[in-house]
PDB file of all heavy atoms in Angstrom:
ATOM      1  N   TYR A   1     -12.547  -6.906  -7.572  1.00  0.00           N
ATOM      2  CA  TYR A   1     -12.567  -8.021  -6.630  1.00  0.00           C
ATOM      3  C   TYR A   1     -13.508  -9.124  -7.120  1.00  0.00           C
ATOM      4  O   TYR A   1     -13.193 -10.315  -7.060  1.00  0.00           O
ATOM      5  CB  TYR A   1     -13.012  -7.530  -5.264  1.00  0.00           C
ATOM      6  CG  TYR A   1     -12.858  -8.546  -4.154  1.00  0.00           C
ATOM      7  CD1 TYR A   1     -11.679  -8.625  -3.413  1.00  0.00           C
ATOM      8  CD2 TYR A   1     -13.898  -9.431  -3.844  1.00  0.00           C
ATOM      9  CE1 TYR A   1     -11.531  -9.561  -2.402  1.00  0.00           C
ATOM     10  CE2 TYR A   1     -13.765 -10.363  -2.837  1.00  0.00           C
ATOM     11  CZ  TYR A   1     -12.582 -10.425  -2.115  1.00  0.00           C
ATOM     12  OH  TYR A   1     -12.444 -11.351  -1.117  1.00  0.00           O
ATOM     13  N   ILE A   2     -14.666  -8.705  -7.648  1.00  0.00           N
ATOM     14  CA  ILE A   2     -15.689  -9.669  -8.052  1.00  0.00           C
ATOM     15  C   ILE A   2     -15.415 -10.230  -9.449  1.00  0.00           C
ATOM     16  O   ILE A   2     -15.528 -11.445  -9.682  1.00  0.00           O
ATOM     17  CB  ILE A   2     -17.090  -9.010  -8.022  1.00  0.00           C
ATOM     18  CG1 ILE A   2     -17.439  -8.638  -6.578  1.00  0.00           C
ATOM     19  CG2 ILE A   2     -18.150  -9.931  -8.605  1.00  0.00           C
ATOM     20  CD1 ILE A   2     -18.690  -7.787  -6.461  1.00  0.00           C
ATOM     21  N   LEU A   3     -15.041  -9.346 -10.368  1.00  0.00           N
ATOM     22  CA  LEU A   3     -14.949  -9.759 -11.769  1.00  0.00           C
ATOM     23  C   LEU A   3     -13.555 -10.139 -12.231  1.00  0.00           C
ATOM     24  O   LEU A   3     -13.402 -10.836 -13.239  1.00  0.00           O
ATOM     25  CB  LEU A   3     -15.476  -8.628 -12.673  1.00  0.00           C
ATOM     26  CG  LEU A   3     -16.935  -8.205 -12.434  1.00  0.00           C
ATOM     27  CD1 LEU A   3     -17.313  -7.086 -13.395  1.00  0.00           C
ATOM     28  CD2 LEU A   3     -17.881  -9.402 -12.598  1.00  0.00           C
ATOM     29  N   VAL A   4     -12.534  -9.666 -11.554  1.00  0.00           N
ATOM     30  CA  VAL A   4     -11.173  -9.934 -12.032  1.00  0.00           C
ATOM     31  C   VAL A   4     -10.436 -10.878 -11.094  1.00  0.00           C
ATOM     32  O   VAL A   4     -10.233 -12.055 -11.405  1.00  0.00           O
ATOM     33  CB  VAL A   4     -10.387  -8.611 -12.195  1.00  0.00           C
ATOM     34  CG1 VAL A   4      -8.977  -8.889 -12.727  1.00  0.00           C
ATOM     35  CG2 VAL A   4     -11.126  -7.673 -13.150  1.00  0.00           C
ATOM     36  N   SER A   5     -10.007 -10.351  -9.934  1.00  0.00           N
ATOM     37  CA  SER A   5      -9.203 -11.192  -9.049  1.00  0.00           C
ATOM     38  C   SER A   5      -9.183 -10.630  -7.624  1.00  0.00           C
ATOM     39  O   SER A   5      -8.685  -9.517  -7.423  1.00  0.00           O
ATOM     40  CB  SER A   5      -7.773 -11.293  -9.579  1.00  0.00           C
ATOM     41  OG  SER A   5      -6.916 -11.870  -8.624  1.00  0.00           O
ATOM     42  N   PRO A   6      -9.707 -11.340  -6.645  1.00  0.00           N
ATOM     43  CA  PRO A   6      -9.609 -10.901  -5.252  1.00  0.00           C
ATOM     44  C   PRO A   6      -8.155 -10.740  -4.812  1.00  0.00           C
ATOM     45  O   PRO A   6      -7.825  -9.827  -4.059  1.00  0.00           O
ATOM     46  CB  PRO A   6     -10.296 -12.032  -4.474  1.00  0.00           C
ATOM     47  CG  PRO A   6     -11.207 -12.667  -5.472  1.00  0.00           C
ATOM     48  CD  PRO A   6     -10.488 -12.573  -6.784  1.00  0.00           C
ATOM     49  N   THR A   7      -7.297 -11.646  -5.319  1.00  0.00           N
ATOM     50  CA  THR A   7      -5.879 -11.575  -4.939  1.00  0.00           C
ATOM     51  C   THR A   7      -5.255 -10.265  -5.394  1.00  0.00           C
ATOM     52  O   THR A   7      -4.478  -9.634  -4.668  1.00  0.00           O
ATOM     53  CB  THR A   7      -5.104 -12.754  -5.559  1.00  0.00           C
ATOM     54  OG1 THR A   7      -5.686 -13.978  -5.126  1.00  0.00           O
ATOM     55  CG2 THR A   7      -3.633 -12.703  -5.165  1.00  0.00           C
ATOM     56  N   LEU A   8      -5.577  -9.842  -6.622  1.00  0.00           N
ATOM     57  CA  LEU A   8      -5.026  -8.612  -7.168  1.00  0.00           C
ATOM     58  C   LEU A   8      -5.421  -7.414  -6.314  1.00  0.00           C
ATOM     59  O   LEU A   8      -4.583  -6.547  -6.025  1.00  0.00           O
ATOM     60  CB  LEU A   8      -5.517  -8.414  -8.602  1.00  0.00           C
ATOM     61  CG  LEU A   8      -4.959  -7.193  -9.353  1.00  0.00           C
ATOM     62  CD1 LEU A   8      -3.451  -7.316  -9.509  1.00  0.00           C
ATOM     63  CD2 LEU A   8      -5.629  -7.068 -10.719  1.00  0.00           C
ATOM     64  N   VAL A   9      -6.669  -7.386  -5.875  1.00  0.00           N
ATOM     65  CA  VAL A   9      -7.141  -6.286  -5.026  1.00  0.00           C
ATOM     66  C   VAL A   9      -6.430  -6.312  -3.684  1.00  0.00           C
ATOM     67  O   VAL A   9      -6.004  -5.270  -3.167  1.00  0.00           O
ATOM     68  CB  VAL A   9      -8.671  -6.355  -4.841  1.00  0.00           C
ATOM     69  CG1 VAL A   9      -9.131  -5.320  -3.820  1.00  0.00           C
ATOM     70  CG2 VAL A   9      -9.377  -6.138  -6.159  1.00  0.00           C
ATOM     71  N   ASN A  10      -6.289  -7.500  -3.096  1.00  0.00           N
ATOM     72  CA  ASN A  10      -5.614  -7.610  -1.799  1.00  0.00           C
ATOM     73  C   ASN A  10      -4.151  -7.169  -1.903  1.00  0.00           C
ATOM     74  O   ASN A  10      -3.629  -6.493  -1.000  1.00  0.00           O
ATOM     75  CB  ASN A  10      -5.692  -9.048  -1.285  1.00  0.00           C
ATOM     76  CG  ASN A  10      -7.094  -9.436  -0.875  1.00  0.00           C
ATOM     77  OD1 ASN A  10      -7.897  -8.565  -0.480  1.00  0.00           O
ATOM     78  ND2 ASN A  10      -7.435 -10.715  -0.963  1.00  0.00           N
ATOM     79  N   VAL A  11      -3.491  -7.556  -2.985  1.00  0.00           N
ATOM     80  CA  VAL A  11      -2.100  -7.140  -3.187  1.00  0.00           C
ATOM     81  C   VAL A  11      -2.024  -5.617  -3.331  1.00  0.00           C
ATOM     82  O   VAL A  11      -1.126  -4.968  -2.778  1.00  0.00           O
ATOM     83  CB  VAL A  11      -1.502  -7.836  -4.423  1.00  0.00           C
ATOM     84  CG1 VAL A  11      -0.150  -7.215  -4.784  1.00  0.00           C
ATOM     85  CG2 VAL A  11      -1.353  -9.320  -4.166  1.00  0.00           C
ATOM     86  N   PHE A  12      -2.953  -5.058  -4.086  1.00  0.00           N
ATOM     87  CA  PHE A  12      -2.977  -3.605  -4.277  1.00  0.00           C
ATOM     88  C   PHE A  12      -3.137  -2.875  -2.941  1.00  0.00           C
ATOM     89  O   PHE A  12      -2.398  -1.926  -2.641  1.00  0.00           O
ATOM     90  CB  PHE A  12      -4.128  -3.225  -5.208  1.00  0.00           C
ATOM     91  CG  PHE A  12      -4.373  -1.748  -5.308  1.00  0.00           C
ATOM     92  CD1 PHE A  12      -3.553  -0.936  -6.085  1.00  0.00           C
ATOM     93  CD2 PHE A  12      -5.418  -1.154  -4.599  1.00  0.00           C
ATOM     94  CE1 PHE A  12      -3.768   0.432  -6.165  1.00  0.00           C
ATOM     95  CE2 PHE A  12      -5.647   0.214  -4.668  1.00  0.00           C
ATOM     96  CZ  PHE A  12      -4.819   1.005  -5.450  1.00  0.00           C
ATOM     97  N   LEU A  13      -4.087  -3.325  -2.119  1.00  0.00           N
ATOM     98  CA  LEU A  13      -4.321  -2.692  -0.824  1.00  0.00           C
ATOM     99  C   LEU A  13      -3.107  -2.822   0.094  1.00  0.00           C
ATOM    100  O   LEU A  13      -2.740  -1.876   0.797  1.00  0.00           O
ATOM    101  CB  LEU A  13      -5.558  -3.288  -0.163  1.00  0.00           C
ATOM    102  CG  LEU A  13      -6.901  -2.977  -0.847  1.00  0.00           C
ATOM    103  CD1 LEU A  13      -8.033  -3.744  -0.181  1.00  0.00           C
ATOM    104  CD2 LEU A  13      -7.184  -1.478  -0.806  1.00  0.00           C
ATOM    105  N   ALA A  14      -2.494  -4.009   0.089  1.00  0.00           N
ATOM    106  CA  ALA A  14      -1.306  -4.220   0.931  1.00  0.00           C
ATOM    107  C   ALA A  14      -0.155  -3.340   0.465  1.00  0.00           C
ATOM    108  O   ALA A  14       0.585  -2.766   1.286  1.00  0.00           O
ATOM    109  CB  ALA A  14      -0.898  -5.695   0.889  1.00  0.00           C
ATOM    110  N   THR A  15      -0.006  -3.199  -0.850  1.00  0.00           N
ATOM    111  CA  THR A  15       1.065  -2.366  -1.402  1.00  0.00           C
ATOM    112  C   THR A  15       0.856  -0.902  -1.029  1.00  0.00           C
ATOM    113  O   THR A  15       1.797  -0.212  -0.627  1.00  0.00           O
ATOM    114  CB  THR A  15       1.118  -2.510  -2.933  1.00  0.00           C
ATOM    115  OG1 THR A  15       1.339  -3.884  -3.276  1.00  0.00           O
ATOM    116  CG2 THR A  15       2.237  -1.649  -3.513  1.00  0.00           C
ATOM    117  N   VAL A  16      -0.378  -0.426  -1.181  1.00  0.00           N
ATOM    118  CA  VAL A  16      -0.681   0.966  -0.844  1.00  0.00           C
ATOM    119  C   VAL A  16      -0.438   1.227   0.635  1.00  0.00           C
ATOM    120  O   VAL A  16       0.145   2.258   1.011  1.00  0.00           O
ATOM    121  CB  VAL A  16      -2.139   1.308  -1.225  1.00  0.00           C
ATOM    122  CG1 VAL A  16      -2.537   2.664  -0.649  1.00  0.00           C
ATOM    123  CG2 VAL A  16      -2.311   1.313  -2.731  1.00  0.00           C
ATOM    124  N   THR A  17      -0.864   0.299   1.490  1.00  0.00           N
ATOM    125  CA  THR A  17      -0.674   0.469   2.933  1.00  0.00           C
ATOM    126  C   THR A  17       0.810   0.507   3.294  1.00  0.00           C
ATOM    127  O   THR A  17       1.260   1.367   4.061  1.00  0.00           O
ATOM    128  CB  THR A  17      -1.362  -0.678   3.701  1.00  0.00           C
ATOM    129  OG1 THR A  17      -2.762  -0.679   3.388  1.00  0.00           O
ATOM    130  CG2 THR A  17      -1.181  -0.503   5.197  1.00  0.00           C
ATOM    131  N   THR A  18       1.573  -0.418   2.730  1.00  0.00           N
ATOM    132  CA  THR A  18       3.007  -0.476   3.015  1.00  0.00           C
ATOM    133  C   THR A  18       3.717   0.783   2.508  1.00  0.00           C
ATOM    134  O   THR A  18       4.547   1.372   3.212  1.00  0.00           O
ATOM    135  CB  THR A  18       3.633  -1.712   2.352  1.00  0.00           C
ATOM    136  OG1 THR A  18       2.980  -2.884   2.824  1.00  0.00           O
ATOM    137  CG2 THR A  18       5.118  -1.796   2.660  1.00  0.00           C
ATOM    138  N   ALA A  19       3.385   1.186   1.291  1.00  0.00           N
ATOM    139  CA  ALA A  19       4.007   2.380   0.708  1.00  0.00           C
ATOM    140  C   ALA A  19       3.680   3.624   1.536  1.00  0.00           C
ATOM    141  O   ALA A  19       4.535   4.500   1.731  1.00  0.00           O
ATOM    142  CB  ALA A  19       3.545   2.566  -0.727  1.00  0.00           C
ATOM    143  N   SER A  20       2.448   3.694   2.045  1.00  0.00           N
ATOM    144  CA  SER A  20       2.042   4.840   2.862  1.00  0.00           C
ATOM    145  C   SER A  20       2.834   4.900   4.160  1.00  0.00           C
ATOM    146  O   SER A  20       3.291   5.970   4.578  1.00  0.00           O
ATOM    147  CB  SER A  20       0.537   4.766   3.164  1.00  0.00           C
ATOM    148  OG  SER A  20      -0.230   4.833   1.981  1.00  0.00           O
ATOM    149  N   LEU A  21       3.009   3.741   4.797  1.00  0.00           N
ATOM    150  CA  LEU A  21       3.773   3.705   6.047  1.00  0.00           C
ATOM    151  C   LEU A  21       5.228   4.090   5.805  1.00  0.00           C
ATOM    152  O   LEU A  21       5.827   4.836   6.592  1.00  0.00           O
ATOM    153  CB  LEU A  21       3.677   2.310   6.667  1.00  0.00           C
ATOM    154  CG  LEU A  21       2.305   1.911   7.221  1.00  0.00           C
ATOM    155  CD1 LEU A  21       2.306   0.446   7.659  1.00  0.00           C
ATOM    156  CD2 LEU A  21       1.923   2.810   8.399  1.00  0.00           C
ATOM    157  N   ILE A  22       5.800   3.567   4.719  1.00  0.00           N
ATOM    158  CA  ILE A  22       7.188   3.897   4.390  1.00  0.00           C
ATOM    159  C   ILE A  22       7.322   5.393   4.128  1.00  0.00           C
ATOM    160  O   ILE A  22       8.266   6.042   4.590  1.00  0.00           O
ATOM    161  CB  ILE A  22       7.665   3.090   3.168  1.00  0.00           C
ATOM    162  CG1 ILE A  22       7.767   1.604   3.527  1.00  0.00           C
ATOM    163  CG2 ILE A  22       9.019   3.611   2.664  1.00  0.00           C
ATOM    164  CD1 ILE A  22       8.075   0.707   2.343  1.00  0.00           C
ATOM    165  N   TYR A  23       6.373   5.945   3.392  1.00  0.00           N
ATOM    166  CA  TYR A  23       6.416   7.380   3.077  1.00  0.00           C
ATOM    167  C   TYR A  23       6.322   8.224   4.346  1.00  0.00           C
ATOM    168  O   TYR A  23       7.062   9.206   4.499  1.00  0.00           O
ATOM    169  CB  TYR A  23       5.273   7.754   2.134  1.00  0.00           C
ATOM    170  CG  TYR A  23       5.175   9.243   1.892  1.00  0.00           C
ATOM    171  CD1 TYR A  23       6.005   9.881   0.980  1.00  0.00           C
ATOM    172  CD2 TYR A  23       4.269  10.029   2.618  1.00  0.00           C
ATOM    173  CE1 TYR A  23       5.944  11.250   0.773  1.00  0.00           C
ATOM    174  CE2 TYR A  23       4.194  11.398   2.424  1.00  0.00           C
ATOM    175  CZ  TYR A  23       5.030  12.006   1.509  1.00  0.00           C
ATOM    176  OH  TYR A  23       4.967  13.360   1.318  1.00  0.00           O
ATOM    177  N   ILE A  24       5.429   7.853   5.247  1.00  0.00           N
ATOM    178  CA  ILE A  24       5.256   8.616   6.479  1.00  0.00           C
ATOM    179  C   ILE A  24       6.544   8.614   7.302  1.00  0.00           C
ATOM    180  O   ILE A  24       7.000   9.660   7.778  1.00  0.00           O
ATOM    181  CB  ILE A  24       4.081   8.051   7.310  1.00  0.00           C
ATOM    182  CG1 ILE A  24       2.752   8.333   6.580  1.00  0.00           C
ATOM    183  CG2 ILE A  24       4.055   8.667   8.705  1.00  0.00           C
ATOM    184  CD1 ILE A  24       1.564   7.635   7.213  1.00  0.00           C
ATOM    185  N   VAL A  25       7.141   7.426   7.469  1.00  0.00           N
ATOM    186  CA  VAL A  25       8.377   7.325   8.243  1.00  0.00           C
ATOM    187  C   VAL A  25       9.494   8.113   7.576  1.00  0.00           C
ATOM    188  O   VAL A  25      10.219   8.884   8.220  1.00  0.00           O
ATOM    189  CB  VAL A  25       8.782   5.847   8.424  1.00  0.00           C
ATOM    190  CG1 VAL A  25      10.158   5.759   9.076  1.00  0.00           C
ATOM    191  CG2 VAL A  25       7.752   5.103   9.255  1.00  0.00           C
ATOM    192  N   PHE A  26       9.646   7.938   6.255  1.00  0.00           N
ATOM    193  CA  PHE A  26      10.688   8.650   5.525  1.00  0.00           C
ATOM    194  C   PHE A  26      10.489  10.158   5.625  1.00  0.00           C
ATOM    195  O   PHE A  26      11.449  10.917   5.824  1.00  0.00           O
ATOM    196  CB  PHE A  26      10.682   8.227   4.054  1.00  0.00           C
ATOM    197  CG  PHE A  26      11.639   9.019   3.199  1.00  0.00           C
ATOM    198  CD1 PHE A  26      12.987   8.728   3.186  1.00  0.00           C
ATOM    199  CD2 PHE A  26      11.179  10.082   2.419  1.00  0.00           C
ATOM    200  CE1 PHE A  26      13.874   9.463   2.409  1.00  0.00           C
ATOM    201  CE2 PHE A  26      12.055  10.830   1.648  1.00  0.00           C
ATOM    202  CZ  PHE A  26      13.405  10.516   1.636  1.00  0.00           C
ATOM    203  N   SER A  27       9.244  10.599   5.493  1.00  0.00           N
ATOM    204  CA  SER A  27       8.943  12.031   5.546  1.00  0.00           C
ATOM    205  C   SER A  27       9.313  12.622   6.897  1.00  0.00           C
ATOM    206  O   SER A  27       9.888  13.708   6.981  1.00  0.00           O
ATOM    207  CB  SER A  27       7.458  12.253   5.259  1.00  0.00           C
ATOM    208  OG  SER A  27       7.126  13.617   5.316  1.00  0.00           O
ATOM    209  N   LEU A  28       8.996  11.899   7.971  1.00  0.00           N
ATOM    210  CA  LEU A  28       9.314  12.385   9.319  1.00  0.00           C
ATOM    211  C   LEU A  28      10.827  12.473   9.527  1.00  0.00           C
ATOM    212  O   LEU A  28      11.333  13.472  10.053  1.00  0.00           O
ATOM    213  CB  LEU A  28       8.683  11.470  10.367  1.00  0.00           C
ATOM    214  CG  LEU A  28       7.153  11.514  10.476  1.00  0.00           C
ATOM    215  CD1 LEU A  28       6.657  10.427  11.421  1.00  0.00           C
ATOM    216  CD2 LEU A  28       6.690  12.886  10.957  1.00  0.00           C
ATOM    217  N   VAL A  29      11.537  11.429   9.117  1.00  0.00           N
ATOM    218  CA  VAL A  29      12.990  11.410   9.300  1.00  0.00           C
ATOM    219  C   VAL A  29      13.655  12.470   8.418  1.00  0.00           C
ATOM    220  O   VAL A  29      14.506  13.237   8.875  1.00  0.00           O
ATOM    221  CB  VAL A  29      13.555  10.012   8.969  1.00  0.00           C
ATOM    222  CG1 VAL A  29      15.083  10.029   8.997  1.00  0.00           C
ATOM    223  CG2 VAL A  29      13.018   8.985   9.958  1.00  0.00           C
ATOM    224  N   TYR A  30      13.251  12.529   7.159  1.00  0.00           N
ATOM    225  CA  TYR A  30      13.837  13.495   6.225  1.00  0.00           C
ATOM    226  C   TYR A  30      13.574  14.922   6.707  1.00  0.00           C
ATOM    227  O   TYR A  30      14.471  15.779   6.695  1.00  0.00           O
ATOM    228  CB  TYR A  30      13.238  13.291   4.839  1.00  0.00           C
ATOM    229  CG  TYR A  30      13.714  14.297   3.816  1.00  0.00           C
ATOM    230  CD1 TYR A  30      14.999  14.227   3.283  1.00  0.00           C
ATOM    231  CD2 TYR A  30      12.876  15.320   3.364  1.00  0.00           C
ATOM    232  CE1 TYR A  30      15.448  15.142   2.338  1.00  0.00           C
ATOM    233  CE2 TYR A  30      13.306  16.247   2.421  1.00  0.00           C
ATOM    234  CZ  TYR A  30      14.587  16.151   1.915  1.00  0.00           C
ATOM    235  OH  TYR A  30      15.019  17.060   0.989  1.00  0.00           O
ATOM    236  N   GLY A  31      12.348  15.176   7.161  1.00  0.00           N
ATOM    237  CA  GLY A  31      12.008  16.508   7.652  1.00  0.00           C
ATOM    238  C   GLY A  31      12.858  16.908   8.844  1.00  0.00           C
ATOM    239  O   GLY A  31      13.329  18.049   8.928  1.00  0.00           O
TER     240      GLY A  31
END
């Protein structure tokens, strides 16, 4: 965040959060 790019970190966090939500929903439905 400090040395490279705040945007890159924010994108990474948003991607992880979105992927986690998708996985949880998919896992519940698939199960």
